[in-house]
Amino acid sequence: MPEYISNAKFYFEADGLTEILIQKISGMQMKMTVAGGDAPIGVTKDGKTQTQATIGGVECSEITIECVATSDSKQLLEWYNKCHAEALSGGKAEGRKSRKAAKISIYDGDGEEKIQYELTDIFPTSYGTGDFTAGSGDLLTESVTIGFTYFERKK
C-alpha cells in the first residue's frame, strides 16, 4: 500500500536562499505544446484530410512563493533587484548570472524527506507584499514569483 504524504511539511531552498519562512508555494507546472494538432495539415486524394500532432516544445509555468516577512526574507527583494535593470544605472542588471538552482522537499509526519523536486535556472519575475492594514493582527507577508526552465522529481 502506498504511503500518502501531506503537503503541509515542506522546505524551499535555492543557492544562498535557505532561511526563509515560507507559508505557501503554488503554480509549479510544465506542459508540452502541440504543433499542428488543432487543424488539418493537408488534403490527399478524394479530399481526405490528414492531421498530425507533433510536440512543439515545453512550457514551464511560474511558481509563487509566499513567505512571512522577516530579516531573512529581505534576500528575496535583494535577489529580485539584482536580476532586473535599474533605471538609474542605465539598464544594468545581473539577471543571467544571478539565476539559481532550487529544491523543494516534502516531509512525512516523522520528518523524513519523501519527495523532492529540483528546479533549474530559477529567476524572480515579480515581487510584492501583503496588504498594510491599521490595527490588523495579520503577519506581514511577501511574495515572489519565480520563473524556471525545468523541474524534475528526484524522489
N, C-alpha and C. Protein backbone atom coordinates (compact mmCIF):
# COMPACT_ATOMS: atom_id res chain seq x y z
N MET A 1 0.84 -1.18 0.00
CA MET A 1 0.00 0.00 0.00
C MET A 1 0.89 1.24 0.00
N PRO A 2 0.56 2.24 -0.83
CA PRO A 2 1.40 3.44 -0.89
C PRO A 2 1.28 4.28 0.38
N GLU A 3 2.32 5.05 0.63
CA GLU A 3 2.30 5.98 1.75
C GLU A 3 1.80 7.32 1.21
N TYR A 4 0.81 7.89 1.88
CA TYR A 4 0.25 9.17 1.45
C TYR A 4 0.96 10.28 2.20
N ILE A 5 1.39 11.29 1.46
CA ILE A 5 2.19 12.37 2.02
C ILE A 5 1.34 13.65 2.05
N SER A 6 1.34 14.33 3.17
CA SER A 6 0.66 15.62 3.31
C SER A 6 1.48 16.70 2.61
N ASN A 7 0.82 17.73 2.15
CA ASN A 7 1.54 18.85 1.53
C ASN A 7 1.87 19.95 2.52
N ALA A 8 1.72 19.68 3.83
CA ALA A 8 1.87 20.71 4.84
C ALA A 8 3.30 20.88 5.35
N LYS A 9 4.16 19.87 5.18
CA LYS A 9 5.53 19.94 5.68
C LYS A 9 6.50 19.97 4.50
N PHE A 10 7.03 21.15 4.21
CA PHE A 10 7.89 21.30 3.05
C PHE A 10 8.99 22.32 3.35
N TYR A 11 9.96 22.36 2.47
CA TYR A 11 11.07 23.29 2.61
C TYR A 11 11.54 23.69 1.22
N PHE A 12 11.76 24.97 1.03
CA PHE A 12 12.28 25.51 -0.22
C PHE A 12 13.67 26.07 0.04
N GLU A 13 14.60 25.72 -0.84
CA GLU A 13 15.92 26.34 -0.75
C GLU A 13 16.45 26.57 -2.16
N ALA A 14 17.18 27.65 -2.29
CA ALA A 14 17.87 27.96 -3.54
C ALA A 14 19.27 28.43 -3.16
N ASP A 15 20.15 28.46 -4.12
CA ASP A 15 21.53 28.87 -3.85
C ASP A 15 21.54 30.18 -3.05
N GLY A 16 21.92 30.11 -1.79
CA GLY A 16 22.01 31.30 -0.94
C GLY A 16 20.71 31.72 -0.28
N LEU A 17 19.59 31.10 -0.61
CA LEU A 17 18.29 31.43 -0.01
C LEU A 17 17.84 30.21 0.79
N THR A 18 18.17 30.19 2.08
CA THR A 18 17.91 28.97 2.85
C THR A 18 17.11 29.18 4.13
N GLU A 19 16.96 30.39 4.61
CA GLU A 19 16.31 30.60 5.90
C GLU A 19 15.01 31.41 5.79
N ILE A 20 14.28 31.22 4.72
CA ILE A 20 13.05 31.98 4.51
C ILE A 20 11.87 31.21 5.07
N LEU A 21 11.03 31.87 5.84
CA LEU A 21 9.86 31.25 6.48
C LEU A 21 8.69 31.26 5.49
N ILE A 22 8.49 30.15 4.82
CA ILE A 22 7.54 30.07 3.71
C ILE A 22 6.19 29.55 4.17
N GLN A 23 5.13 30.24 3.74
CA GLN A 23 3.76 29.81 4.04
C GLN A 23 3.19 28.93 2.94
N LYS A 24 3.52 29.26 1.68
CA LYS A 24 2.85 28.58 0.58
C LYS A 24 3.69 28.67 -0.69
N ILE A 25 3.69 27.58 -1.46
CA ILE A 25 4.28 27.56 -2.79
C ILE A 25 3.19 27.07 -3.74
N SER A 26 3.01 27.77 -4.83
CA SER A 26 1.95 27.35 -5.76
C SER A 26 2.36 27.57 -7.20
N GLY A 27 1.71 26.83 -8.10
CA GLY A 27 1.82 27.06 -9.53
C GLY A 27 2.83 26.25 -10.30
N MET A 28 3.57 25.33 -9.67
CA MET A 28 4.60 24.59 -10.38
C MET A 28 3.95 23.67 -11.42
N GLN A 29 4.29 23.90 -12.69
CA GLN A 29 3.65 23.14 -13.75
C GLN A 29 4.50 23.20 -15.02
N MET A 30 4.51 22.11 -15.76
CA MET A 30 5.11 22.06 -17.10
C MET A 30 4.08 21.44 -18.03
N LYS A 31 4.09 21.88 -19.28
CA LYS A 31 3.21 21.23 -20.25
C LYS A 31 3.86 21.28 -21.63
N MET A 32 3.54 20.27 -22.42
CA MET A 32 4.03 20.22 -23.79
C MET A 32 3.08 20.99 -24.69
N THR A 33 3.64 21.77 -25.58
CA THR A 33 2.81 22.45 -26.58
C THR A 33 2.75 21.54 -27.81
N VAL A 34 1.63 21.58 -28.49
CA VAL A 34 1.41 20.72 -29.64
C VAL A 34 1.39 21.58 -30.90
N ALA A 35 2.16 21.17 -31.90
CA ALA A 35 2.17 21.86 -33.19
C ALA A 35 1.35 21.04 -34.19
N GLY A 36 0.49 21.71 -34.92
CA GLY A 36 -0.24 21.06 -36.00
C GLY A 36 -1.38 20.17 -35.56
N GLY A 37 -1.72 20.12 -34.32
CA GLY A 37 -2.73 19.18 -33.85
C GLY A 37 -4.15 19.70 -33.87
N ASP A 38 -4.33 21.00 -34.07
CA ASP A 38 -5.68 21.55 -33.97
C ASP A 38 -6.37 21.76 -35.33
N ALA A 39 -5.69 21.43 -36.42
CA ALA A 39 -6.29 21.61 -37.74
C ALA A 39 -5.62 20.65 -38.73
N PRO A 40 -6.29 20.36 -39.83
CA PRO A 40 -5.67 19.51 -40.85
C PRO A 40 -4.39 20.16 -41.37
N ILE A 41 -3.40 19.30 -41.69
CA ILE A 41 -2.16 19.84 -42.25
C ILE A 41 -2.14 19.72 -43.77
N GLY A 42 -3.12 19.04 -44.34
CA GLY A 42 -3.19 18.92 -45.78
C GLY A 42 -4.34 18.03 -46.21
N VAL A 43 -4.52 17.95 -47.51
CA VAL A 43 -5.58 17.15 -48.11
C VAL A 43 -4.96 16.20 -49.12
N THR A 44 -5.44 14.95 -49.13
CA THR A 44 -4.93 13.95 -50.08
C THR A 44 -6.02 13.60 -51.08
N LYS A 45 -5.80 12.57 -51.87
CA LYS A 45 -6.73 12.11 -52.90
C LYS A 45 -8.14 11.92 -52.33
N ASP A 46 -9.10 12.24 -53.09
CA ASP A 46 -10.52 12.14 -52.74
C ASP A 46 -10.91 13.10 -51.62
N GLY A 47 -10.12 14.12 -51.40
CA GLY A 47 -10.46 15.15 -50.41
C GLY A 47 -10.29 14.73 -48.97
N LYS A 48 -9.52 13.69 -48.72
CA LYS A 48 -9.30 13.23 -47.35
C LYS A 48 -8.29 14.15 -46.67
N THR A 49 -8.67 14.62 -45.51
CA THR A 49 -7.75 15.49 -44.77
C THR A 49 -6.85 14.65 -43.89
N GLN A 50 -5.67 15.17 -43.68
CA GLN A 50 -4.71 14.49 -42.83
C GLN A 50 -4.31 15.42 -41.68
N THR A 51 -4.28 14.85 -40.49
CA THR A 51 -3.85 15.63 -39.33
C THR A 51 -2.61 14.99 -38.72
N GLN A 52 -1.87 15.77 -38.01
CA GLN A 52 -0.68 15.27 -37.33
C GLN A 52 -0.42 16.17 -36.12
N ALA A 53 -0.31 15.56 -34.97
CA ALA A 53 0.06 16.31 -33.77
C ALA A 53 1.52 16.01 -33.45
N THR A 54 2.30 17.05 -33.31
CA THR A 54 3.73 16.93 -33.05
C THR A 54 4.08 17.78 -31.84
N ILE A 55 4.98 17.28 -31.02
CA ILE A 55 5.43 18.07 -29.88
C ILE A 55 6.12 19.32 -30.38
N GLY A 56 5.63 20.46 -29.96
CA GLY A 56 6.19 21.73 -30.40
C GLY A 56 7.18 22.33 -29.42
N GLY A 57 7.16 21.89 -28.19
CA GLY A 57 8.07 22.42 -27.18
C GLY A 57 7.50 22.18 -25.80
N VAL A 58 8.17 22.70 -24.80
CA VAL A 58 7.74 22.57 -23.42
C VAL A 58 7.62 23.96 -22.83
N GLU A 59 6.52 24.22 -22.14
CA GLU A 59 6.30 25.49 -21.45
C GLU A 59 6.32 25.24 -19.95
N CYS A 60 7.05 26.07 -19.24
CA CYS A 60 7.08 26.00 -17.78
C CYS A 60 6.30 27.18 -17.23
N SER A 61 5.51 26.91 -16.21
CA SER A 61 4.79 27.99 -15.55
C SER A 61 5.76 28.73 -14.63
N GLU A 62 5.23 29.62 -13.86
CA GLU A 62 6.00 30.28 -12.80
C GLU A 62 5.46 29.76 -11.48
N ILE A 63 6.28 29.74 -10.45
CA ILE A 63 5.79 29.40 -9.14
C ILE A 63 5.75 30.66 -8.30
N THR A 64 4.82 30.69 -7.37
CA THR A 64 4.72 31.81 -6.45
C THR A 64 5.06 31.31 -5.06
N ILE A 65 5.97 32.00 -4.42
CA ILE A 65 6.38 31.69 -3.06
C ILE A 65 5.88 32.80 -2.16
N GLU A 66 5.05 32.42 -1.18
CA GLU A 66 4.54 33.39 -0.20
C GLU A 66 5.23 33.11 1.12
N CYS A 67 5.79 34.16 1.73
CA CYS A 67 6.53 33.96 2.97
C CYS A 67 6.18 35.05 3.98
N VAL A 68 6.50 34.77 5.23
CA VAL A 68 6.34 35.74 6.30
C VAL A 68 7.54 36.69 6.22
N ALA A 69 7.28 37.98 6.30
CA ALA A 69 8.36 38.97 6.24
C ALA A 69 9.21 38.88 7.50
N THR A 70 10.50 38.61 7.31
CA THR A 70 11.48 38.55 8.39
C THR A 70 12.74 39.24 7.90
N SER A 71 13.74 39.35 8.76
CA SER A 71 15.00 39.92 8.29
C SER A 71 15.63 39.05 7.21
N ASP A 72 15.42 37.73 7.26
CA ASP A 72 15.97 36.83 6.25
C ASP A 72 15.26 36.95 4.90
N SER A 73 13.96 37.26 4.91
CA SER A 73 13.23 37.31 3.64
C SER A 73 13.64 38.51 2.79
N LYS A 74 14.38 39.45 3.35
CA LYS A 74 14.89 40.59 2.59
C LYS A 74 15.74 40.11 1.41
N GLN A 75 16.30 38.91 1.54
CA GLN A 75 17.12 38.33 0.47
C GLN A 75 16.33 38.21 -0.85
N LEU A 76 15.03 37.97 -0.74
CA LEU A 76 14.20 37.83 -1.95
C LEU A 76 14.17 39.13 -2.75
N LEU A 77 13.95 40.26 -2.06
CA LEU A 77 13.92 41.55 -2.75
C LEU A 77 15.30 41.92 -3.28
N GLU A 78 16.33 41.62 -2.52
CA GLU A 78 17.70 41.89 -3.00
C GLU A 78 18.01 41.09 -4.26
N TRP A 79 17.58 39.83 -4.29
CA TRP A 79 17.78 38.98 -5.46
C TRP A 79 16.99 39.53 -6.65
N TYR A 80 15.74 39.91 -6.40
CA TYR A 80 14.91 40.49 -7.46
C TYR A 80 15.59 41.73 -8.04
N ASN A 81 16.04 42.64 -7.17
CA ASN A 81 16.66 43.88 -7.64
C ASN A 81 17.94 43.60 -8.42
N LYS A 82 18.69 42.63 -8.02
CA LYS A 82 19.94 42.29 -8.72
C LYS A 82 19.65 41.78 -10.14
N CYS A 83 18.52 41.09 -10.30
CA CYS A 83 18.20 40.47 -11.59
C CYS A 83 17.55 41.41 -12.59
N HIS A 84 17.06 42.56 -12.14
CA HIS A 84 16.30 43.44 -13.03
C HIS A 84 16.99 44.79 -13.20
N ALA A 85 16.87 45.32 -14.39
CA ALA A 85 17.53 46.58 -14.73
C ALA A 85 17.03 47.71 -13.85
N GLU A 86 17.96 48.55 -13.50
CA GLU A 86 17.62 49.73 -12.70
C GLU A 86 17.65 50.95 -13.61
N ALA A 87 16.65 51.80 -13.48
CA ALA A 87 16.55 52.98 -14.33
C ALA A 87 17.76 53.91 -14.15
N LEU A 88 18.24 54.07 -12.93
CA LEU A 88 19.33 55.00 -12.68
C LEU A 88 20.70 54.47 -13.10
N SER A 89 20.81 53.16 -13.33
CA SER A 89 22.11 52.61 -13.73
C SER A 89 22.20 52.37 -15.24
N GLY A 90 21.27 52.92 -15.96
CA GLY A 90 21.31 52.77 -17.41
C GLY A 90 20.92 51.40 -17.90
N GLY A 91 20.13 50.69 -17.11
CA GLY A 91 19.66 49.38 -17.54
C GLY A 91 20.54 48.23 -17.15
N LYS A 92 21.60 48.48 -16.37
CA LYS A 92 22.49 47.40 -15.95
C LYS A 92 21.75 46.42 -15.06
N ALA A 93 21.95 45.13 -15.31
CA ALA A 93 21.33 44.09 -14.50
C ALA A 93 22.24 42.86 -14.48
N GLU A 94 22.08 42.05 -13.46
CA GLU A 94 22.86 40.82 -13.35
C GLU A 94 21.95 39.60 -13.44
N GLY A 95 20.91 39.70 -14.26
CA GLY A 95 19.91 38.66 -14.35
C GLY A 95 20.43 37.30 -14.77
N ARG A 96 21.28 37.24 -15.77
CA ARG A 96 21.76 35.95 -16.27
C ARG A 96 22.65 35.27 -15.24
N LYS A 97 23.57 36.00 -14.63
CA LYS A 97 24.48 35.35 -13.68
C LYS A 97 23.88 35.22 -12.28
N SER A 98 22.68 35.75 -12.06
CA SER A 98 22.03 35.64 -10.75
C SER A 98 20.97 34.53 -10.71
N ARG A 99 20.86 33.76 -11.77
CA ARG A 99 19.92 32.63 -11.76
C ARG A 99 20.44 31.57 -10.81
N LYS A 100 19.52 30.79 -10.25
CA LYS A 100 19.87 29.83 -9.21
C LYS A 100 19.29 28.46 -9.50
N ALA A 101 19.77 27.47 -8.79
CA ALA A 101 19.16 26.15 -8.75
C ALA A 101 18.37 26.09 -7.44
N ALA A 102 17.27 25.36 -7.43
CA ALA A 102 16.43 25.29 -6.24
C ALA A 102 15.94 23.88 -6.00
N LYS A 103 15.46 23.68 -4.77
CA LYS A 103 14.95 22.36 -4.38
C LYS A 103 13.75 22.58 -3.47
N ILE A 104 12.70 21.80 -3.70
CA ILE A 104 11.54 21.77 -2.81
C ILE A 104 11.48 20.36 -2.24
N SER A 105 11.54 20.26 -0.92
CA SER A 105 11.49 18.97 -0.23
C SER A 105 10.17 18.87 0.52
N ILE A 106 9.53 17.69 0.47
CA ILE A 106 8.29 17.44 1.19
C ILE A 106 8.57 16.30 2.17
N TYR A 107 8.15 16.50 3.43
CA TYR A 107 8.46 15.56 4.50
C TYR A 107 7.22 14.82 4.98
N ASP A 108 7.42 13.60 5.49
CA ASP A 108 6.33 12.85 6.09
C ASP A 108 6.17 13.29 7.55
N GLY A 109 5.25 12.67 8.27
CA GLY A 109 4.98 13.03 9.66
C GLY A 109 6.14 12.82 10.60
N ASP A 110 7.11 11.97 10.22
CA ASP A 110 8.28 11.72 11.04
C ASP A 110 9.44 12.65 10.69
N GLY A 111 9.23 13.56 9.74
CA GLY A 111 10.28 14.49 9.36
C GLY A 111 11.27 13.94 8.35
N GLU A 112 10.94 12.82 7.72
CA GLU A 112 11.81 12.23 6.71
C GLU A 112 11.43 12.76 5.33
N GLU A 113 12.44 13.19 4.58
CA GLU A 113 12.18 13.68 3.23
C GLU A 113 11.69 12.54 2.35
N LYS A 114 10.50 12.71 1.78
CA LYS A 114 9.90 11.65 0.96
C LYS A 114 9.81 12.04 -0.52
N ILE A 115 9.63 13.33 -0.78
CA ILE A 115 9.51 13.81 -2.15
C ILE A 115 10.44 15.00 -2.31
N GLN A 116 11.10 15.07 -3.47
CA GLN A 116 12.00 16.19 -3.73
C GLN A 116 11.89 16.59 -5.19
N TYR A 117 11.71 17.89 -5.42
CA TYR A 117 11.72 18.45 -6.76
C TYR A 117 12.94 19.35 -6.88
N GLU A 118 13.62 19.27 -8.01
CA GLU A 118 14.72 20.18 -8.30
C GLU A 118 14.32 21.06 -9.47
N LEU A 119 14.52 22.37 -9.29
CA LEU A 119 14.19 23.35 -10.32
C LEU A 119 15.49 23.92 -10.88
N THR A 120 15.51 24.11 -12.18
CA THR A 120 16.71 24.57 -12.88
C THR A 120 16.54 26.01 -13.34
N ASP A 121 17.60 26.79 -13.16
CA ASP A 121 17.69 28.12 -13.76
C ASP A 121 16.56 29.04 -13.30
N ILE A 122 16.37 29.16 -11.99
CA ILE A 122 15.26 29.98 -11.49
C ILE A 122 15.66 31.45 -11.43
N PHE A 123 14.67 32.32 -11.59
CA PHE A 123 14.89 33.77 -11.53
C PHE A 123 13.59 34.44 -11.12
N PRO A 124 13.66 35.54 -10.36
CA PRO A 124 12.44 36.21 -9.91
C PRO A 124 11.83 37.06 -11.01
N THR A 125 10.52 36.93 -11.20
CA THR A 125 9.85 37.74 -12.22
C THR A 125 8.98 38.84 -11.62
N SER A 126 8.56 38.68 -10.37
CA SER A 126 7.81 39.75 -9.70
C SER A 126 7.97 39.61 -8.20
N TYR A 127 7.77 40.71 -7.51
CA TYR A 127 7.89 40.76 -6.05
C TYR A 127 6.76 41.63 -5.52
N GLY A 128 6.19 41.25 -4.38
CA GLY A 128 5.13 42.06 -3.78
C GLY A 128 4.99 41.77 -2.30
N THR A 129 4.21 42.60 -1.64
CA THR A 129 3.93 42.41 -0.22
C THR A 129 2.43 42.22 -0.03
N GLY A 130 2.07 41.75 1.17
CA GLY A 130 0.66 41.69 1.53
C GLY A 130 0.16 43.09 1.82
N ASP A 131 -1.12 43.20 2.15
CA ASP A 131 -1.73 44.49 2.45
C ASP A 131 -1.25 45.02 3.80
N PHE A 132 -1.16 46.33 3.88
CA PHE A 132 -0.87 47.00 5.15
C PHE A 132 -2.21 47.51 5.68
N THR A 133 -2.61 47.05 6.87
CA THR A 133 -3.91 47.42 7.43
C THR A 133 -3.74 47.86 8.88
N ALA A 134 -4.17 49.08 9.19
CA ALA A 134 -4.07 49.59 10.56
C ALA A 134 -4.88 48.70 11.50
N GLY A 135 -4.29 48.33 12.62
CA GLY A 135 -4.99 47.53 13.61
C GLY A 135 -5.07 46.05 13.29
N SER A 136 -4.47 45.63 12.20
CA SER A 136 -4.54 44.23 11.81
C SER A 136 -3.66 43.37 12.70
N GLY A 137 -4.10 42.16 12.95
CA GLY A 137 -3.29 41.20 13.69
C GLY A 137 -2.57 40.25 12.77
N ASP A 138 -2.68 40.47 11.46
CA ASP A 138 -2.04 39.59 10.48
C ASP A 138 -0.54 39.86 10.40
N LEU A 139 0.21 38.83 10.10
CA LEU A 139 1.64 38.99 9.85
C LEU A 139 1.85 39.59 8.47
N LEU A 140 2.89 40.39 8.32
CA LEU A 140 3.23 40.93 7.02
C LEU A 140 3.79 39.80 6.16
N THR A 141 3.33 39.70 4.94
CA THR A 141 3.82 38.68 4.02
C THR A 141 4.45 39.31 2.80
N GLU A 142 5.31 38.54 2.17
CA GLU A 142 5.93 38.93 0.92
C GLU A 142 5.73 37.78 -0.06
N SER A 143 5.69 38.09 -1.33
CA SER A 143 5.60 37.02 -2.32
C SER A 143 6.52 37.34 -3.48
N VAL A 144 7.11 36.30 -4.02
CA VAL A 144 7.96 36.44 -5.19
C VAL A 144 7.52 35.37 -6.19
N THR A 145 7.36 35.79 -7.42
CA THR A 145 7.03 34.86 -8.49
C THR A 145 8.35 34.51 -9.17
N ILE A 146 8.54 33.21 -9.40
CA ILE A 146 9.81 32.73 -9.91
C ILE A 146 9.59 31.96 -11.20
N GLY A 147 10.33 32.35 -12.22
CA GLY A 147 10.35 31.59 -13.46
C GLY A 147 11.42 30.52 -13.38
N PHE A 148 11.29 29.49 -14.19
CA PHE A 148 12.29 28.43 -14.22
C PHE A 148 12.28 27.79 -15.60
N THR A 149 13.33 27.05 -15.91
CA THR A 149 13.40 26.44 -17.24
C THR A 149 13.05 24.97 -17.23
N TYR A 150 13.09 24.33 -16.04
CA TYR A 150 12.82 22.89 -15.98
C TYR A 150 12.68 22.48 -14.53
N PHE A 151 11.86 21.47 -14.27
CA PHE A 151 11.87 20.86 -12.94
C PHE A 151 11.76 19.36 -13.08
N GLU A 152 12.29 18.67 -12.09
CA GLU A 152 12.31 17.21 -12.11
C GLU A 152 12.06 16.70 -10.71
N ARG A 153 11.27 15.64 -10.62
CA ARG A 153 11.07 14.99 -9.32
C ARG A 153 12.19 14.00 -9.11
N LYS A 154 12.98 14.20 -8.06
CA LYS A 154 14.14 13.34 -7.77
C LYS A 154 13.79 12.20 -6.84
N LYS A 155 12.81 12.37 -5.98
CA LYS A 155 12.37 11.32 -5.05
C LYS A 155 10.89 11.12 -5.23
